C-alpha atoms as a PDB file:
ATOM      1  CA  MET A   1       5.356  68.804  10.471  1.00  0.00           C
ATOM      2  CA  LYS A   2       5.646  68.062   6.735  1.00  0.00           C
ATOM      3  CA  LEU A   3       6.725  64.608   5.581  1.00  0.00           C
ATOM      4  CA  ALA A   4       7.431  63.248   2.082  1.00  0.00           C
ATOM      5  CA  ALA A   5       7.346  59.633   0.892  1.00  0.00           C
ATOM      6  CA  ILE A   6       8.640  58.447  -2.487  1.00  0.00           C
ATOM      7  CA  ASP A   7       7.685  54.919  -3.546  1.00  0.00           C
ATOM      8  CA  ILE A   8       9.863  53.690  -6.425  1.00  0.00           C
ATOM      9  CA  GLY A   9       7.789  50.799  -7.723  1.00  0.00           C
ATOM     10  CA  SER A  10       8.030  48.467 -10.693  1.00  0.00           C
ATOM     11  CA  ASN A  11       5.154  50.062 -12.603  1.00  0.00           C
ATOM     12  CA  ALA A  12       5.261  53.696 -11.440  1.00  0.00           C
ATOM     13  CA  ILE A  13       7.026  56.078  -9.049  1.00  0.00           C
ATOM     14  CA  ARG A  14       4.839  57.860  -6.502  1.00  0.00           C
ATOM     15  CA  PHE A  15       5.590  61.042  -4.584  1.00  0.00           C
ATOM     16  CA  GLN A  16       3.461  62.270  -1.710  1.00  0.00           C
ATOM     17  CA  ILE A  17       4.003  65.057   0.765  1.00  0.00           C
ATOM     18  CA  SER A  18       1.628  65.492   3.683  1.00  0.00           C
ATOM     19  CA  THR A  19       1.346  67.625   6.759  1.00  0.00           C
ATOM     20  CA  VAL A  20       0.643  66.030  10.128  1.00  0.00           C
ATOM     21  CA  LEU A  21      -2.498  67.546  11.664  1.00  0.00           C
ATOM     22  CA  ASP A  22      -2.852  65.319  14.717  1.00  0.00           C
ATOM     23  CA  ARG A  23      -0.160  63.857  16.925  1.00  0.00           C
ATOM     24  CA  GLY A  24      -2.615  61.976  19.129  1.00  0.00           C
ATOM     25  CA  PRO A  25      -3.192  58.190  19.259  1.00  0.00           C
ATOM     26  CA  LYS A  26      -4.050  58.105  15.558  1.00  0.00           C
ATOM     27  CA  ALA A  27      -2.025  60.225  13.159  1.00  0.00           C
ATOM     28  CA  LEU A  28      -3.997  62.354  10.731  1.00  0.00           C
ATOM     29  CA  PHE A  29      -2.280  63.355   7.500  1.00  0.00           C
ATOM     30  CA  LYS A  30      -3.429  66.050   5.098  1.00  0.00           C
ATOM     31  CA  LYS A  31      -2.167  65.471   1.567  1.00  0.00           C
ATOM     32  CA  LEU A  32      -0.414  68.530   0.143  1.00  0.00           C
ATOM     33  CA  GLU A  33       0.855  67.021  -3.100  1.00  0.00           C
ATOM     34  CA  TYR A  34       0.656  63.675  -4.880  1.00  0.00           C
ATOM     35  CA  ILE A  35       2.406  62.786  -8.131  1.00  0.00           C
ATOM     36  CA  ARG A  36       2.346  59.417  -9.854  1.00  0.00           C
ATOM     37  CA  PHE A  37       4.845  59.200 -12.696  1.00  0.00           C
ATOM     38  CA  PRO A  38       4.484  56.188 -15.065  1.00  0.00           C
ATOM     39  CA  LEU A  39       8.115  55.057 -15.291  1.00  0.00           C
ATOM     40  CA  ARG A  40       7.904  51.268 -15.656  1.00  0.00           C
ATOM     41  CA  LEU A  41      11.264  50.049 -14.353  1.00  0.00           C
ATOM     42  CA  GLY A  42       9.885  46.521 -14.205  1.00  0.00           C
ATOM     43  CA  HIS A  43       9.666  46.345 -18.006  1.00  0.00           C
ATOM     44  CA  ASP A  44      13.450  46.671 -18.222  1.00  0.00           C
ATOM     45  CA  VAL A  45      14.413  44.589 -15.211  1.00  0.00           C
ATOM     46  CA  PHE A  46      12.104  41.607 -15.644  1.00  0.00           C
ATOM     47  CA  THR A  47      13.076  41.359 -19.333  1.00  0.00           C
ATOM     48  CA  THR A  48      16.806  42.162 -19.426  1.00  0.00           C
ATOM     49  CA  GLY A  49      17.835  42.090 -15.770  1.00  0.00           C
ATOM     50  CA  LYS A  50      18.820  45.750 -15.614  1.00  0.00           C
ATOM     51  CA  ILE A  51      17.469  49.291 -15.937  1.00  0.00           C
ATOM     52  CA  SER A  52      17.994  50.727 -19.439  1.00  0.00           C
ATOM     53  CA  LYS A  53      19.917  53.909 -20.235  1.00  0.00           C
ATOM     54  CA  GLU A  54      16.679  55.590 -21.362  1.00  0.00           C
ATOM     55  CA  SER A  55      14.952  54.769 -18.086  1.00  0.00           C
ATOM     56  CA  ILE A  56      17.980  55.901 -16.070  1.00  0.00           C
ATOM     57  CA  ALA A  57      17.918  59.285 -17.834  1.00  0.00           C
ATOM     58  CA  LYS A  58      14.219  59.749 -16.985  1.00  0.00           C
ATOM     59  CA  PHE A  59      14.779  58.445 -13.472  1.00  0.00           C
ATOM     60  CA  MET A  60      17.500  61.020 -12.757  1.00  0.00           C
ATOM     61  CA  LYS A  61      15.291  63.859 -14.052  1.00  0.00           C
ATOM     62  CA  LEU A  62      12.440  62.613 -11.880  1.00  0.00           C
ATOM     63  CA  MET A  63      14.646  62.424  -8.766  1.00  0.00           C
ATOM     64  CA  LYS A  64      15.778  66.011  -9.406  1.00  0.00           C
ATOM     65  CA  ALA A  65      12.135  67.093  -9.726  1.00  0.00           C
ATOM     66  CA  TYR A  66      11.162  65.321  -6.508  1.00  0.00           C
ATOM     67  CA  LYS A  67      14.114  66.868  -4.682  1.00  0.00           C
ATOM     68  CA  LEU A  68      12.900  70.307  -5.777  1.00  0.00           C
ATOM     69  CA  MET A  69       9.379  69.493  -4.555  1.00  0.00           C
ATOM     70  CA  ILE A  70      10.761  68.469  -1.159  1.00  0.00           C
ATOM     71  CA  GLU A  71      12.698  71.737  -0.957  1.00  0.00           C
ATOM     72  CA  LEU A  72       9.788  73.899  -2.147  1.00  0.00           C
ATOM     73  CA  TYR A  73       7.385  72.390   0.379  1.00  0.00           C
ATOM     74  CA  GLU A  74      10.104  72.622   3.051  1.00  0.00           C
ATOM     75  CA  ALA A  75       9.604  69.036   4.200  1.00  0.00           C
ATOM     76  CA  ASP A  76      10.873  68.265   7.690  1.00  0.00           C
ATOM     77  CA  ASP A  77      11.796  64.739   6.667  1.00  0.00           C
ATOM     78  CA  TYR A  78      11.499  62.416   3.686  1.00  0.00           C
ATOM     79  CA  MET A  79      12.061  58.811   2.652  1.00  0.00           C
ATOM     80  CA  PHE A  80      12.784  57.110  -0.691  1.00  0.00           C
ATOM     81  CA  CYS A  81      12.051  53.383  -0.987  1.00  0.00           C
ATOM     82  CA  ALA A  82      12.664  51.196  -4.044  1.00  0.00           C
ATOM     83  CA  THR A  83      10.930  47.843  -4.334  1.00  0.00           C
ATOM     84  CA  SER A  84      11.047  44.738  -6.551  1.00  0.00           C
ATOM     85  CA  ALA A  85      12.355  46.074  -9.878  1.00  0.00           C
ATOM     86  CA  MET A  86      15.179  48.209  -8.551  1.00  0.00           C
ATOM     87  CA  ARG A  87      16.280  45.773  -5.851  1.00  0.00           C
ATOM     88  CA  GLU A  88      16.471  42.924  -8.412  1.00  0.00           C
ATOM     89  CA  SER A  89      18.199  44.841 -11.211  1.00  0.00           C
ATOM     90  CA  ASP A  90      21.902  44.353 -11.839  1.00  0.00           C
ATOM     91  CA  ASN A  91      22.455  48.115 -11.815  1.00  0.00           C
ATOM     92  CA  GLY A  92      19.876  49.164  -9.209  1.00  0.00           C
ATOM     93  CA  LYS A  93      22.403  49.616  -6.411  1.00  0.00           C
ATOM     94  CA  GLU A  94      24.697  51.526  -8.770  1.00  0.00           C
ATOM     95  CA  LEU A  95      21.836  53.849  -9.731  1.00  0.00           C
ATOM     96  CA  ALA A  96      20.967  54.468  -6.076  1.00  0.00           C
ATOM     97  CA  GLU A  97      24.631  55.362  -5.415  1.00  0.00           C
ATOM     98  CA  ARG A  98      24.605  57.776  -8.365  1.00  0.00           C
ATOM     99  CA  VAL A  99      21.480  59.506  -7.016  1.00  0.00           C
ATOM    100  CA  TYR A 100      23.174  59.906  -3.640  1.00  0.00           C
ATOM    101  CA  SER A 101      26.423  61.168  -5.199  1.00  0.00           C
ATOM    102  CA  GLU A 102      24.775  63.696  -7.541  1.00  0.00           C
ATOM    103  CA  LEU A 103      21.682  64.732  -5.563  1.00  0.00           C
ATOM    104  CA  GLY A 104      22.394  63.774  -1.966  1.00  0.00           C
ATOM    105  CA  LEU A 105      19.243  61.635  -1.817  1.00  0.00           C
ATOM    106  CA  GLN A 106      19.372  58.268  -0.045  1.00  0.00           C
ATOM    107  CA  ILE A 107      17.333  55.575  -1.786  1.00  0.00           C
ATOM    108  CA  ASN A 108      16.532  52.535   0.353  1.00  0.00           C
ATOM    109  CA  LEU A 109      16.407  49.292  -1.652  1.00  0.00           C
ATOM    110  CA  ILE A 110      14.024  47.497   0.661  1.00  0.00           C
ATOM    111  CA  SER A 111      13.371  43.745   0.838  1.00  0.00           C
ATOM    112  CA  GLY A 112       9.956  42.172   0.373  1.00  0.00           C
ATOM    113  CA  LYS A 113       9.666  41.757   4.145  1.00  0.00           C
ATOM    114  CA  GLU A 114      10.559  45.404   4.783  1.00  0.00           C
ATOM    115  CA  GLU A 115       8.030  46.447   2.147  1.00  0.00           C
ATOM    116  CA  ALA A 116       5.328  44.347   3.834  1.00  0.00           C
ATOM    117  CA  ASP A 117       6.215  45.748   7.272  1.00  0.00           C
ATOM    118  CA  LEU A 118       5.824  49.327   6.053  1.00  0.00           C
ATOM    119  CA  ILE A 119       2.480  48.616   4.370  1.00  0.00           C
ATOM    120  CA  ASN A 120       1.282  46.871   7.525  1.00  0.00           C
ATOM    121  CA  ARG A 121       1.745  50.109   9.464  1.00  0.00           C
ATOM    122  CA  ALA A 122      -0.870  51.684   7.204  1.00  0.00           C
ATOM    123  CA  ILE A 123      -3.485  48.922   7.424  1.00  0.00           C
ATOM    124  CA  ARG A 124      -3.349  48.151  11.162  1.00  0.00           C
ATOM    125  CA  SER A 125      -6.054  50.644  12.087  1.00  0.00           C
ATOM    126  CA  TYR A 126      -8.501  48.912   9.689  1.00  0.00           C
ATOM    127  CA  LEU A 127      -8.144  45.479  11.294  1.00  0.00           C
ATOM    128  CA  THR A 128     -10.174  44.006  14.160  1.00  0.00           C
ATOM    129  CA  ASP A 129      -9.518  40.785  16.109  1.00  0.00           C
ATOM    130  CA  HIS A 130     -10.705  38.616  13.204  1.00  0.00           C
ATOM    131  CA  THR A 131      -8.564  36.665  10.713  1.00  0.00           C
ATOM    132  CA  TYR A 132      -7.168  38.531   7.710  1.00  0.00           C
ATOM    133  CA  LEU A 133      -4.970  37.753   4.734  1.00  0.00           C
ATOM    134  CA  HIS A 134      -3.342  40.958   3.539  1.00  0.00           C
ATOM    135  CA  ILE A 135      -2.598  40.928  -0.207  1.00  0.00           C
ATOM    136  CA  ASP A 136      -0.421  43.633  -1.745  1.00  0.00           C
ATOM    137  CA  VAL A 137       0.111  43.190  -5.485  1.00  0.00           C
ATOM    138  CA  GLY A 138       2.787  45.391  -6.972  1.00  0.00           C
ATOM    139  CA  GLY A 139       4.340  45.424 -10.416  1.00  0.00           C
ATOM    140  CA  GLY A 140       7.055  42.930  -9.529  1.00  0.00           C
ATOM    141  CA  SER A 141       6.032  41.178  -6.335  1.00  0.00           C
ATOM    142  CA  THR A 142       3.118  40.187  -4.125  1.00  0.00           C
ATOM    143  CA  GLU A 143       3.387  40.480  -0.350  1.00  0.00           C
ATOM    144  CA  LEU A 144       1.126  38.283   1.794  1.00  0.00           C
ATOM    145  CA  ASN A 145       0.569  38.693   5.534  1.00  0.00           C
ATOM    146  CA  ILE A 146      -1.646  36.626   7.817  1.00  0.00           C
ATOM    147  CA  TYR A 147      -3.250  38.336  10.830  1.00  0.00           C
ATOM    148  CA  VAL A 148      -5.057  36.486  13.611  1.00  0.00           C
ATOM    149  CA  HIS A 149      -6.598  38.355  16.571  1.00  0.00           C
ATOM    150  CA  GLY A 150      -4.647  41.472  15.650  1.00  0.00           C
ATOM    151  CA  LYS A 151      -1.293  39.664  15.591  1.00  0.00           C
ATOM    152  CA  LYS A 152       0.756  39.071  12.455  1.00  0.00           C
ATOM    153  CA  MET A 153       1.374  35.321  12.248  1.00  0.00           C
ATOM    154  CA  LYS A 154       3.134  34.863   8.900  1.00  0.00           C
ATOM    155  CA  THR A 155       4.551  37.003   6.099  1.00  0.00           C
ATOM    156  CA  ARG A 156       6.008  36.153   2.699  1.00  0.00           C
ATOM    157  CA  SER A 157       6.985  37.918  -0.505  1.00  0.00           C
ATOM    158  CA  PHE A 158       6.553  36.238  -3.909  1.00  0.00           C
ATOM    159  CA  LYS A 159       8.013  37.228  -7.279  1.00  0.00           C
ATOM    160  CA  ILE A 160       4.594  37.527  -8.869  1.00  0.00           C
ATOM    161  CA  GLY A 161       3.391  40.978  -9.886  1.00  0.00           C
ATOM    162  CA  SER A 162       1.211  42.701 -12.469  1.00  0.00           C
ATOM    163  CA  VAL A 163       4.078  43.697 -14.789  1.00  0.00           C
ATOM    164  CA  ARG A 164       5.749  40.276 -14.500  1.00  0.00           C
ATOM    165  CA  VAL A 165       2.492  38.507 -15.359  1.00  0.00           C
ATOM    166  CA  LEU A 166       1.656  40.933 -18.184  1.00  0.00           C
ATOM    167  CA  GLU A 167       5.029  40.347 -19.833  1.00  0.00           C
ATOM    168  CA  HIS A 168       5.047  36.603 -19.083  1.00  0.00           C
ATOM    169  CA  ASN A 169       8.066  36.793 -16.801  1.00  0.00           C
ATOM    170  CA  ASP A 170       6.332  34.887 -14.012  1.00  0.00           C
ATOM    171  CA  GLN A 171       7.094  31.194 -13.561  1.00  0.00           C
ATOM    172  CA  PRO A 172       4.586  28.361 -12.856  1.00  0.00           C
ATOM    173  CA  VAL A 173       6.716  27.296  -9.892  1.00  0.00           C
ATOM    174  CA  MET A 174       6.158  30.726  -8.292  1.00  0.00           C
ATOM    175  CA  TRP A 175       2.381  30.272  -8.451  1.00  0.00           C
ATOM    176  CA  THR A 176       2.654  26.734  -7.079  1.00  0.00           C
ATOM    177  CA  ASP A 177       4.858  27.959  -4.244  1.00  0.00           C
ATOM    178  CA  MET A 178       2.385  30.707  -3.349  1.00  0.00           C
ATOM    179  CA  GLU A 179      -0.569  28.321  -3.422  1.00  0.00           C
ATOM    180  CA  LYS A 180       1.235  25.836  -1.146  1.00  0.00           C
ATOM    181  CA  TRP A 181       2.236  28.596   1.285  1.00  0.00           C
ATOM    182  CA  ILE A 182      -1.318  29.899   1.573  1.00  0.00           C
ATOM    183  CA  LYS A 183      -2.901  26.465   1.999  1.00  0.00           C
ATOM    184  CA  SER A 184      -0.369  25.341   4.598  1.00  0.00           C
ATOM    185  CA  ASN A 185      -0.518  28.542   6.665  1.00  0.00           C
ATOM    186  CA  MET A 186      -4.218  29.432   6.558  1.00  0.00           C
ATOM    187  CA  LYS A 187      -5.288  27.020   9.295  1.00  0.00           C
ATOM    188  CA  LYS A 188      -8.920  26.015   9.758  1.00  0.00           C
ATOM    189  CA  SER A 189      -8.672  26.960  13.429  1.00  0.00           C
ATOM    190  CA  TYR A 190      -8.259  30.602  12.362  1.00  0.00           C
ATOM    191  CA  GLY A 191     -11.894  30.649  11.262  1.00  0.00           C
ATOM    192  CA  ARG A 192     -13.396  32.730   8.469  1.00  0.00           C
ATOM    193  CA  VAL A 193     -10.843  34.724   6.472  1.00  0.00           C
ATOM    194  CA  THR A 194     -11.282  38.252   5.145  1.00  0.00           C
ATOM    195  CA  ALA A 195      -8.803  39.463   2.534  1.00  0.00           C
ATOM    196  CA  VAL A 196      -7.314  42.954   2.781  1.00  0.00           C
ATOM    197  CA  GLY A 197      -6.229  44.394  -0.551  1.00  0.00           C
ATOM    198  CA  THR A 198      -3.690  47.161  -1.118  1.00  0.00           C
ATOM    199  CA  GLY A 199      -2.261  48.449  -4.381  1.00  0.00           C
ATOM    200  CA  GLY A 200      -3.468  50.726  -7.150  1.00  0.00           C
ATOM    201  CA  ASN A 201      -5.176  47.962  -9.122  1.00  0.00           C
ATOM    202  CA  ILE A 202      -7.432  46.660  -6.365  1.00  0.00           C
ATOM    203  CA  SER A 203      -8.291  50.261  -5.463  1.00  0.00           C
ATOM    204  CA  LYS A 204      -9.400  50.827  -9.075  1.00  0.00           C
ATOM    205  CA  ILE A 205     -11.440  47.611  -9.075  1.00  0.00           C
ATOM    206  CA  PHE A 206     -13.041  48.763  -5.827  1.00  0.00           C
ATOM    207  CA  GLU A 207     -13.829  52.163  -7.368  1.00  0.00           C
ATOM    208  CA  LEU A 208     -15.390  50.539 -10.447  1.00  0.00           C
ATOM    209  CA  ALA A 209     -17.540  48.420  -8.130  1.00  0.00           C
ATOM    210  CA  GLY A 210     -18.990  51.674  -6.775  1.00  0.00           C
ATOM    211  CA  LYS A 211     -17.752  51.203  -3.207  1.00  0.00           C
ATOM    212  CA  LYS A 212     -16.144  53.647  -0.783  1.00  0.00           C
ATOM    213  CA  PRO A 213     -12.659  53.056   0.725  1.00  0.00           C
ATOM    214  CA  GLY A 214     -12.681  51.082   3.944  1.00  0.00           C
ATOM    215  CA  LYS A 215     -15.572  48.836   2.908  1.00  0.00           C
ATOM    216  CA  THR A 216     -15.599  45.265   1.601  1.00  0.00           C
ATOM    217  CA  ILE A 217     -16.626  43.641  -1.675  1.00  0.00           C
ATOM    218  CA  GLY A 218     -17.208  39.970  -2.401  1.00  0.00           C
ATOM    219  CA  ILE A 219     -14.950  37.829  -4.552  1.00  0.00           C
ATOM    220  CA  LYS A 220     -17.869  37.480  -6.983  1.00  0.00           C
ATOM    221  CA  THR A 221     -17.877  41.281  -7.483  1.00  0.00           C
ATOM    222  CA  VAL A 222     -14.108  41.318  -8.041  1.00  0.00           C
ATOM    223  CA  LYS A 223     -14.541  38.679 -10.760  1.00  0.00           C
ATOM    224  CA  GLU A 224     -17.435  40.587 -12.336  1.00  0.00           C
ATOM    225  CA  VAL A 225     -15.422  43.840 -12.512  1.00  0.00           C
ATOM    226  CA  LYS A 226     -12.431  41.941 -13.911  1.00  0.00           C
ATOM    227  CA  SER A 227     -14.658  40.376 -16.593  1.00  0.00           C
ATOM    228  CA  ARG A 228     -16.094  43.788 -17.458  1.00  0.00           C
ATOM    229  CA  ILE A 229     -12.602  45.265 -17.902  1.00  0.00           C
ATOM    230  CA  GLU A 230     -11.350  42.271 -19.881  1.00  0.00           C
ATOM    231  CA  LYS A 231     -13.983  42.782 -22.549  1.00  0.00           C
ATOM    232  CA  LEU A 232     -12.818  46.339 -23.259  1.00  0.00           C
ATOM    233  CA  THR A 233      -9.984  47.442 -25.525  1.00  0.00           C
ATOM    234  CA  MET A 234      -7.098  49.471 -24.093  1.00  0.00           C
ATOM    235  CA  ASP A 235      -8.594  52.665 -25.537  1.00  0.00           C
ATOM    236  CA  GLN A 236     -11.967  51.902 -23.948  1.00  0.00           C
ATOM    237  CA  ARG A 237     -10.325  51.278 -20.583  1.00  0.00           C
ATOM    238  CA  ILE A 238      -8.514  54.603 -20.824  1.00  0.00           C
ATOM    239  CA  TYR A 239     -11.404  56.759 -22.067  1.00  0.00           C
ATOM    240  CA  GLU A 240     -14.494  55.021 -20.720  1.00  0.00           C
ATOM    241  CA  LEU A 241     -13.112  53.898 -17.353  1.00  0.00           C
ATOM    242  CA  GLN A 242     -10.670  56.819 -16.938  1.00  0.00           C
ATOM    243  CA  MET A 243      -7.601  54.644 -16.399  1.00  0.00           C
ATOM    244  CA  ASN A 244      -4.013  55.698 -16.887  1.00  0.00           C
ATOM    245  CA  PRO A 245      -2.429  53.785 -19.811  1.00  0.00           C
ATOM    246  CA  ASP A 246      -0.019  52.030 -17.438  1.00  0.00           C
ATOM    247  CA  ARG A 247      -2.973  50.947 -15.291  1.00  0.00           C
ATOM    248  CA  ALA A 248      -5.126  49.804 -18.204  1.00  0.00           C
ATOM    249  CA  ASP A 249      -2.764  47.022 -19.284  1.00  0.00           C
ATOM    250  CA  VAL A 250      -1.847  45.617 -15.846  1.00  0.00           C
ATOM    251  CA  ILE A 251      -5.195  45.695 -14.040  1.00  0.00           C
ATOM    252  CA  VAL A 252      -6.385  42.331 -15.375  1.00  0.00           C
ATOM    253  CA  PRO A 253      -3.138  40.461 -14.529  1.00  0.00           C
ATOM    254  CA  ALA A 254      -3.220  42.062 -11.056  1.00  0.00           C
ATOM    255  CA  SER A 255      -6.853  41.081 -10.491  1.00  0.00           C
ATOM    256  CA  ASP A 256      -5.919  37.492 -11.402  1.00  0.00           C
ATOM    257  CA  VAL A 257      -3.484  37.481  -8.481  1.00  0.00           C
ATOM    258  CA  TYR A 258      -6.046  38.831  -6.006  1.00  0.00           C
ATOM    259  CA  VAL A 259      -8.692  36.333  -7.145  1.00  0.00           C
ATOM    260  CA  LYS A 260      -6.387  33.294  -7.013  1.00  0.00           C
ATOM    261  CA  VAL A 261      -5.061  34.203  -3.564  1.00  0.00           C
ATOM    262  CA  MET A 262      -8.591  34.718  -2.252  1.00  0.00           C
ATOM    263  CA  GLU A 263      -9.730  31.395  -3.697  1.00  0.00           C
ATOM    264  CA  TRP A 264      -6.793  29.499  -2.212  1.00  0.00           C
ATOM    265  CA  ALA A 265      -7.450  31.103   1.188  1.00  0.00           C
ATOM    266  CA  HIS A 266     -11.244  30.588   0.933  1.00  0.00           C
ATOM    267  CA  ALA A 267     -11.754  34.330   1.469  1.00  0.00           C
ATOM    268  CA  GLN A 268     -15.195  35.369   0.272  1.00  0.00           C
ATOM    269  CA  SER A 269     -14.705  39.124   0.678  1.00  0.00           C
ATOM    270  CA  ILE A 270     -11.945  41.712   0.497  1.00  0.00           C
ATOM    271  CA  LEU A 271     -11.476  44.939   2.447  1.00  0.00           C
ATOM    272  CA  VAL A 272      -9.844  47.755   0.477  1.00  0.00           C
ATOM    273  CA  PRO A 273      -8.647  50.605   2.750  1.00  0.00           C
ATOM    274  CA  ASP A 274      -7.000  52.627  -0.090  1.00  0.00           C
ATOM    275  CA  VAL A 275      -3.589  52.871   1.593  1.00  0.00           C
ATOM    276  CA  GLY A 276      -0.224  51.563   0.500  1.00  0.00           C
ATOM    277  CA  LEU A 277       3.527  51.688   0.877  1.00  0.00           C
ATOM    278  CA  LYS A 278       3.746  55.484   0.838  1.00  0.00           C
ATOM    279  CA  ASP A 279       1.250  55.711   3.721  1.00  0.00           C
ATOM    280  CA  GLY A 280       3.320  53.262   5.754  1.00  0.00           C
ATOM    281  CA  MET A 281       6.427  55.310   4.991  1.00  0.00           C
ATOM    282  CA  LEU A 282       4.742  58.475   6.277  1.00  0.00           C
ATOM    283  CA  LEU A 283       3.792  56.703   9.516  1.00  0.00           C
ATOM    284  CA  TYR A 284       7.352  55.426   9.885  1.00  0.00           C
ATOM    285  CA  LEU A 285       8.743  58.952   9.419  1.00  0.00           C
ATOM    286  CA  LEU A 286       6.281  60.360  11.942  1.00  0.00           C
ATOM    287  CA  GLU A 287       7.218  57.756  14.545  1.00  0.00           C
ATOM    288  CA  LYS A 288      10.921  58.312  13.913  1.00  0.00           C
ATOM    289  CA  ASN A 289      10.628  62.075  14.336  1.00  0.00           C
ATOM    290  CA  GLN A 290       8.477  61.768  17.458  1.00  0.00           C
ATOM    291  CA  LYS A 291      11.125  59.531  19.042  1.00  0.00           C
ATOM    292  CA  GLN A 292      13.895  61.945  18.124  1.00  0.00           C
ATOM    293  CA  ARG A 293      11.998  64.866  19.693  1.00  0.00           C
ATOM    294  CA  LYS A 294      11.483  62.932  22.914  1.00  0.00           C
ATOM    295  CA  ILE A 295      15.205  62.203  23.074  1.00  0.00           C
ATOM    296  CA  GLU A 296      16.018  65.875  22.480  1.00  0.00           C
ATOM    297  CA  PHE A 297      13.728  66.957  25.321  1.00  0.00           C
END
């Protein structure tokens, strides 16, 4: 079975198609194709409230390209999900309707809770019965989830993201609200807290720390890597650290979010499993298709 997931984020749009190798207790996916296109919808939306004509033109070309990729790989199923930027834009719904009308592709404008639920599918296998605070920092929003003994206790989405912070479209009240939520919900009875980080920026920080996916790093190391990046120019980040230009400018604002959340939660370490929304989408598609096959039989 071949499945495709398209994550329409605020900073970039990701396409991944994978084949399912194992239908046992734990699904095993083999990546066939991965494309990350740097179309920053959040720049338009968080500044003007809507997606610009220039971005719409690129977006339509990209959707056509992704449709062709789905057809060429003969995907059995696929899913398009749009997050913070597109769901908040004045013309996001209109653009999704245009894509459906012209290309026959259904784009799901998912809520922060739905986004968190999909990501949680991807991180479950990395969690034990300890206490975790899952932090997913995107371009336009940050999703937080509290796990205790393998059970999700609380979830919340905040309008704080790397692109928002970079372009100063975040509000002090949003930070205050997030701090209050963390401090009121991370109860002492839960014991020691380990953060779980998802998102391209924390994965890059993890890589620069010289660690392998699935391991943990301390908050001190996160701060040290952030400080190292901060001292470099954009060109140095791109050429010396091998960052994409649209990663080089948002990685410091994103790391600020991870550090503050960890400090407020008193989390001394963070686990970075190198999975994200697209991985949760693939798991959702697999589960959906398995259910449909059972019904058919």
